[in-house]
Amino acid sequence: MTLNAIAALSADPTFRAQVQASALNFAHTVIATAPTSKNLLDEARWKLAASILVDGGAALQSRLAWGLASLPGFSAIVSDVGSANDAAINSAIQTAWNDLALAPGNVR
């Protein structure tokens, strides 16, 4: 996407709400996941999930929307009133979770 397309998508209220809903859904999955041997990564992932669950992701909506819209290869439509963006957003949230969590060294 062009920079203007990223900016337009990131500012779109519908896209922002879709990203927030997707992050909230995935936060439940992250919280329920058993710890691994990667303690710093687990902690960063859990902290992001917990912060989203606290207020439904409202405080992080901008960070999440910009993070997804600028993800290389990501594409979505502005003002999607159906479910056209759902699969792309859900997949991108899961793919970018470690980056969005600001995981130390982004260990995967």
Protein backbone atom coordinates (compact mmCIF):
# COMPACT_ATOMS: atom_id res chain seq x y z
CA MET A 1 0.00 0.00 0.00
CA THR A 2 1.06 3.57 -0.55
CA LEU A 3 1.74 5.83 2.40
CA ASN A 4 -1.49 7.71 1.70
CA ALA A 5 -3.41 4.41 1.65
CA ILE A 6 -1.83 3.39 4.98
CA ALA A 7 -2.74 6.76 6.50
CA ALA A 8 -6.32 6.61 5.20
CA LEU A 9 -6.81 3.06 6.44
CA SER A 10 -5.28 3.79 9.86
CA ALA A 11 -7.63 6.75 10.30
CA ASP A 12 -10.75 4.85 9.19
CA PRO A 13 -13.05 4.37 12.22
CA THR A 14 -14.45 1.11 10.87
CA PHE A 15 -10.98 -0.37 10.32
CA ARG A 16 -9.87 0.76 13.77
CA ALA A 17 -12.90 -0.91 15.37
CA GLN A 18 -12.30 -4.12 13.39
CA VAL A 19 -8.65 -4.22 14.49
CA GLN A 20 -9.68 -3.58 18.09
CA ALA A 21 -12.21 -6.42 17.99
CA SER A 22 -9.70 -8.80 16.42
CA ALA A 23 -7.05 -7.91 19.00
CA LEU A 24 -9.54 -8.47 21.80
CA ASN A 25 -10.43 -11.91 20.43
CA PHE A 26 -6.77 -12.90 20.07
CA ALA A 27 -5.91 -11.54 23.53
CA HIS A 28 -8.13 -14.24 25.03
CA THR A 29 -6.12 -16.86 23.13
CA VAL A 30 -2.78 -15.43 24.28
CA ILE A 31 -3.86 -15.30 27.94
CA ALA A 32 -4.93 -18.95 27.78
CA THR A 33 -1.69 -20.14 26.12
CA ALA A 34 0.73 -22.12 28.26
CA PRO A 35 4.14 -20.51 28.86
CA THR A 36 7.10 -21.56 26.74
CA SER A 37 10.81 -21.49 27.52
CA LYS A 38 10.99 -17.97 26.02
CA ASN A 39 10.14 -16.04 29.19
CA LEU A 40 10.70 -12.50 27.85
CA LEU A 41 8.60 -13.19 24.77
CA ASP A 42 5.83 -14.80 26.81
CA GLU A 43 5.79 -11.85 29.20
CA ALA A 44 5.59 -9.27 26.40
CA ARG A 45 2.82 -11.19 24.63
CA TRP A 46 0.87 -11.61 27.88
CA LYS A 47 1.27 -7.94 28.86
CA LEU A 48 -0.17 -6.82 25.52
CA ALA A 49 -3.07 -9.25 25.89
CA ALA A 50 -3.74 -8.12 29.46
CA SER A 51 -3.65 -4.44 28.52
CA ILE A 52 -6.18 -5.09 25.74
CA LEU A 53 -8.47 -7.06 28.01
CA VAL A 54 -8.49 -4.25 30.60
CA ASP A 55 -10.42 -1.82 28.38
CA GLY A 56 -11.25 -3.82 25.27
CA GLY A 57 -8.23 -2.42 23.47
CA ALA A 58 -9.47 1.19 23.42
CA ALA A 59 -6.21 2.66 24.77
CA LEU A 60 -4.15 0.79 22.17
CA GLN A 61 -6.48 1.24 19.19
CA SER A 62 -4.23 3.70 17.37
CA ARG A 63 -1.06 1.60 17.89
CA LEU A 64 -2.84 -1.53 16.70
CA ALA A 65 -4.40 0.12 13.63
CA TRP A 66 -1.19 1.76 12.48
CA GLY A 67 0.79 -1.39 13.23
CA LEU A 68 -1.44 -3.50 11.02
CA ALA A 69 -1.97 -0.98 8.22
CA SER A 70 1.79 -0.57 7.83
CA LEU A 71 2.53 -4.31 7.95
CA PRO A 72 4.30 -5.27 4.70
CA GLY A 73 1.92 -7.08 2.38
CA PHE A 74 -1.18 -6.18 4.38
CA SER A 75 -4.20 -5.00 2.46
CA ALA A 76 -7.71 -4.04 3.56
CA ILE A 77 -10.46 -1.76 2.34
CA VAL A 78 -11.56 1.51 3.89
CA SER A 79 -15.11 1.67 5.28
CA ASP A 80 -15.72 -2.09 5.15
CA VAL A 81 -19.24 -2.48 6.51
CA GLY A 82 -19.39 -6.22 5.86
CA SER A 83 -16.79 -8.81 6.71
CA ALA A 84 -14.40 -8.37 3.78
CA ASN A 85 -11.52 -7.37 6.06
CA ASP A 86 -12.08 -9.98 8.77
CA ALA A 87 -9.75 -12.73 7.56
CA ALA A 88 -6.94 -10.32 6.67
CA ILE A 89 -7.17 -8.49 9.99
CA ASN A 90 -7.36 -11.66 12.09
CA SER A 91 -4.37 -13.15 10.30
CA ALA A 92 -2.36 -9.93 10.57
CA ILE A 93 -3.07 -9.55 14.30
CA GLN A 94 -1.71 -13.05 14.92
CA THR A 95 1.29 -12.49 12.65
CA ALA A 96 2.19 -9.11 14.12
CA TRP A 97 1.38 -9.83 17.79
CA ASN A 98 5.05 -10.07 18.84
CA ASP A 99 5.88 -6.81 17.06
CA LEU A 100 2.84 -5.09 18.55
CA ALA A 101 3.84 -6.42 21.97
CA LEU A 102 7.24 -4.81 21.56
CA ALA A 103 8.81 -8.11 22.51
CA PRO A 104 12.48 -7.75 23.50
CA GLY A 105 14.55 -8.63 20.47
CA ASN A 106 11.27 -9.85 18.99
CA VAL A 107 12.28 -13.43 19.72
CA ARG A 108 10.04 -15.83 17.84
